[in-house]
C-alpha cells in the first residue's frame, strides 16, 4: 500500500517538485535575514563569534541555491514526464453528427 501511495503522489502530482523549489526560496530568505541580523549585531552590539557566522550563512545560502536548482531541473523532468505519457488534450464524451454531412443528397 505504501508503494501505491508513492505512485499516486509522484505520478500524478507536481507538488513535491514545487515544494522543493519553495523550500529553496525560504532557505535563501532565512539565510539573508540571518546575514542582516548578524551584520546588525556586529556593528551595533559587537557580539558576534568570529568565523561561525559566515560559515553558517554560506552553508544555508548555498543549500537554498541547490534546492532551487534541483526544483528547476525537476520542473523540466515533470514536463517531459507528462508529455511522454502521451495523454490526449481532451476527451470527447459524445459525438454529434450533422445530418447534412451524413446524407449529402438531401
C-alpha atoms as a PDB file:
ATOM      1  CA  UNK A   1       0.000   0.000   0.000  1.00  0.00           C
ATOM      2  CA  UNK A   2       2.911   2.337   0.653  1.00  0.00           C
ATOM      3  CA  UNK A   3       4.181   1.766  -2.896  1.00  0.00           C
ATOM      4  CA  UNK A   4       0.744   2.614  -4.247  1.00  0.00           C
ATOM      5  CA  UNK A   5       0.675   5.800  -2.187  1.00  0.00           C
ATOM      6  CA  UNK A   6       4.098   6.842  -3.526  1.00  0.00           C
ATOM      7  CA  UNK A   7       2.938   6.173  -7.089  1.00  0.00           C
ATOM      8  CA  UNK A   8      -0.130   8.311  -6.501  1.00  0.00           C
ATOM      9  CA  UNK A   9       1.926  11.173  -5.107  1.00  0.00           C
ATOM     10  CA  UNK A  10       4.761  11.152  -7.625  1.00  0.00           C
ATOM     11  CA  UNK A  11       2.985  10.087 -10.836  1.00  0.00           C
ATOM     12  CA  UNK A  12       0.028  12.441 -10.729  1.00  0.00           C
ATOM     13  CA  UNK A  13       1.312  15.448  -8.811  1.00  0.00           C
ATOM     14  CA  UNK A  14       3.807  18.248  -9.249  1.00  0.00           C
ATOM     15  CA  UNK A  15       3.625  19.036  -5.531  1.00  0.00           C
ATOM     16  CA  UNK A  16       6.986  17.516  -4.463  1.00  0.00           C
ATOM     17  CA  UNK A  17       8.912  19.499  -7.090  1.00  0.00           C
ATOM     18  CA  UNK A  18       7.130  22.747  -6.294  1.00  0.00           C
ATOM     19  CA  UNK A  19       7.696  22.084  -2.580  1.00  0.00           C
ATOM     20  CA  UNK A  20      11.452  21.704  -3.138  1.00  0.00           C
ATOM     21  CA  UNK A  21      11.589  24.981  -5.080  1.00  0.00           C
ATOM     22  CA  UNK A  22       9.625  26.837  -2.399  1.00  0.00           C
ATOM     23  CA  UNK A  23      11.800  25.319   0.315  1.00  0.00           C
ATOM     24  CA  UNK A  24      14.873  26.655  -1.524  1.00  0.00           C
ATOM     25  CA  UNK A  25      13.366  30.148  -1.680  1.00  0.00           C
ATOM     26  CA  UNK A  26      12.530  30.012   2.037  1.00  0.00           C
ATOM     27  CA  UNK A  27      16.049  28.787   2.835  1.00  0.00           C
ATOM     28  CA  UNK A  28      17.672  31.640   0.912  1.00  0.00           C
ATOM     29  CA  UNK A  29      15.333  34.127   2.617  1.00  0.00           C
ATOM     30  CA  UNK A  30      16.244  32.772   6.055  1.00  0.00           C
ATOM     31  CA  UNK A  31      19.924  32.975   5.146  1.00  0.00           C
ATOM     32  CA  UNK A  32      19.635  36.615   4.081  1.00  0.00           C
ATOM     33  CA  UNK A  33      17.653  37.523   7.212  1.00  0.00           C
ATOM     34  CA  UNK A  34      20.323  35.802   9.320  1.00  0.00           C
ATOM     35  CA  UNK A  35      23.021  37.768   7.472  1.00  0.00           C
ATOM     36  CA  UNK A  36      21.279  41.094   8.082  1.00  0.00           C
ATOM     37  CA  UNK A  37      20.732  40.200  11.745  1.00  0.00           C
ATOM     38  CA  UNK A  38      24.406  39.349  12.230  1.00  0.00           C
ATOM     39  CA  UNK A  39      25.594  42.488  10.451  1.00  0.00           C
ATOM     40  CA  UNK A  40      23.395  44.458  12.845  1.00  0.00           C
ATOM     41  CA  UNK A  41      24.836  42.537  15.823  1.00  0.00           C
ATOM     42  CA  UNK A  42      28.410  43.126  14.642  1.00  0.00           C
ATOM     43  CA  UNK A  43      28.142  46.891  14.150  1.00  0.00           C
ATOM     44  CA  UNK A  44      25.704  47.846  16.914  1.00  0.00           C
ATOM     45  CA  UNK A  45      26.140  45.233  19.639  1.00  0.00           C
ATOM     46  CA  UNK A  46      29.628  43.886  18.921  1.00  0.00           C
ATOM     47  CA  UNK A  47      28.742  40.370  19.994  1.00  0.00           C
ATOM     48  CA  UNK A  48      29.358  38.053  17.024  1.00  0.00           C
ATOM     49  CA  UNK A  49      31.523  34.920  17.141  1.00  0.00           C
ATOM     50  CA  UNK A  50      34.245  35.055  14.503  1.00  0.00           C
ATOM     51  CA  UNK A  51      34.074  32.613  11.581  1.00  0.00           C
ATOM     52  CA  UNK A  52      30.980  30.782  12.779  1.00  0.00           C
ATOM     53  CA  UNK A  53      28.526  33.315  11.377  1.00  0.00           C
ATOM     54  CA  UNK A  54      29.958  33.365   7.885  1.00  0.00           C
ATOM     55  CA  UNK A  55      30.172  29.581   7.791  1.00  0.00           C
ATOM     56  CA  UNK A  56      26.550  29.019   8.796  1.00  0.00           C
ATOM     57  CA  UNK A  57      25.301  31.745   6.452  1.00  0.00           C
ATOM     58  CA  UNK A  58      27.270  30.326   3.498  1.00  0.00           C
ATOM     59  CA  UNK A  59      26.084  26.762   4.134  1.00  0.00           C
ATOM     60  CA  UNK A  60      22.429  27.774   4.389  1.00  0.00           C
ATOM     61  CA  UNK A  61      22.626  30.120   1.380  1.00  0.00           C
ATOM     62  CA  UNK A  62      24.223  27.563  -0.920  1.00  0.00           C
ATOM     63  CA  UNK A  63      21.852  24.855   0.314  1.00  0.00           C
ATOM     64  CA  UNK A  64      18.963  27.077  -0.762  1.00  0.00           C
ATOM     65  CA  UNK A  65      20.575  27.686  -4.155  1.00  0.00           C
ATOM     66  CA  UNK A  66      20.972  23.928  -4.622  1.00  0.00           C
ATOM     67  CA  UNK A  67      17.342  23.304  -3.704  1.00  0.00           C
ATOM     68  CA  UNK A  68      16.157  25.891  -6.221  1.00  0.00           C
ATOM     69  CA  UNK A  69      18.395  24.358  -8.893  1.00  0.00           C
ATOM     70  CA  UNK A  70      17.017  20.887  -8.187  1.00  0.00           C
ATOM     71  CA  UNK A  71      13.492  22.325  -8.336  1.00  0.00           C
ATOM     72  CA  UNK A  72      14.120  23.902 -11.744  1.00  0.00           C
ATOM     73  CA  UNK A  73      15.561  20.667 -13.131  1.00  0.00           C
ATOM     74  CA  UNK A  74      12.615  18.812 -11.603  1.00  0.00           C
ATOM     75  CA  UNK A  75      10.150  21.120 -13.367  1.00  0.00           C
ATOM     76  CA  UNK A  76      11.708  20.188 -16.699  1.00  0.00           C
ATOM     77  CA  UNK A  77      11.616  16.477 -15.840  1.00  0.00           C
ATOM     78  CA  UNK A  78       7.954  16.686 -14.776  1.00  0.00           C
ATOM     79  CA  UNK A  79       7.001  18.422 -18.027  1.00  0.00           C
ATOM     80  CA  UNK A  80       8.854  15.803 -20.049  1.00  0.00           C
ATOM     81  CA  UNK A  81       7.191  13.046 -17.994  1.00  0.00           C
ATOM     82  CA  UNK A  82       3.688  14.389 -18.632  1.00  0.00           C
ATOM     83  CA  UNK A  83       4.467  14.856 -22.333  1.00  0.00           C
ATOM     84  CA  UNK A  84       5.789  11.288 -22.673  1.00  0.00           C
ATOM     85  CA  UNK A  85       2.603   9.865 -21.144  1.00  0.00           C
ATOM     86  CA  UNK A  86       1.010  10.878 -24.462  1.00  0.00           C
ATOM     87  CA  UNK A  87      -2.401  11.582 -22.994  1.00  0.00           C
ATOM     88  CA  UNK A  88      -4.928  13.385 -25.194  1.00  0.00           C
ATOM     89  CA  UNK A  89      -5.527  17.086 -24.593  1.00  0.00           C
ATOM     90  CA  UNK A  90      -9.262  16.432 -24.277  1.00  0.00           C
ATOM     91  CA  UNK A  91     -11.681  13.516 -24.247  1.00  0.00           C
ATOM     92  CA  UNK A  92     -14.812  13.552 -26.419  1.00  0.00           C
ATOM     93  CA  UNK A  93     -17.711  12.140 -24.452  1.00  0.00           C
ATOM     94  CA  UNK A  94     -20.313  12.395 -27.232  1.00  0.00           C
ATOM     95  CA  UNK A  95     -20.075  12.996 -30.962  1.00  0.00           C
ATOM     96  CA  UNK A  96     -22.945  14.767 -32.692  1.00  0.00           C
ATOM     97  CA  UNK A  97     -23.222  14.063 -36.417  1.00  0.00           C
ATOM     98  CA  UNK A  98     -24.585  16.719 -38.723  1.00  0.00           C
ATOM     99  CA  UNK A  99     -27.482  15.264 -40.759  1.00  0.00           C
ATOM    100  CA  UNK A 100     -26.380  17.006 -43.966  1.00  0.00           C
ATOM    101  CA  UNK A 101     -22.891  15.530 -43.749  1.00  0.00           C
ATOM    102  CA  UNK A 102     -24.295  12.044 -43.234  1.00  0.00           C
ATOM    103  CA  UNK A 103     -26.752  12.222 -46.159  1.00  0.00           C
ATOM    104  CA  UNK A 104     -25.430  14.690 -48.748  1.00  0.00           C
ATOM    105  CA  UNK A 105     -28.278  14.050 -51.254  1.00  0.00           C
ATOM    106  CA  UNK A 106     -30.987  15.572 -49.015  1.00  0.00           C
END
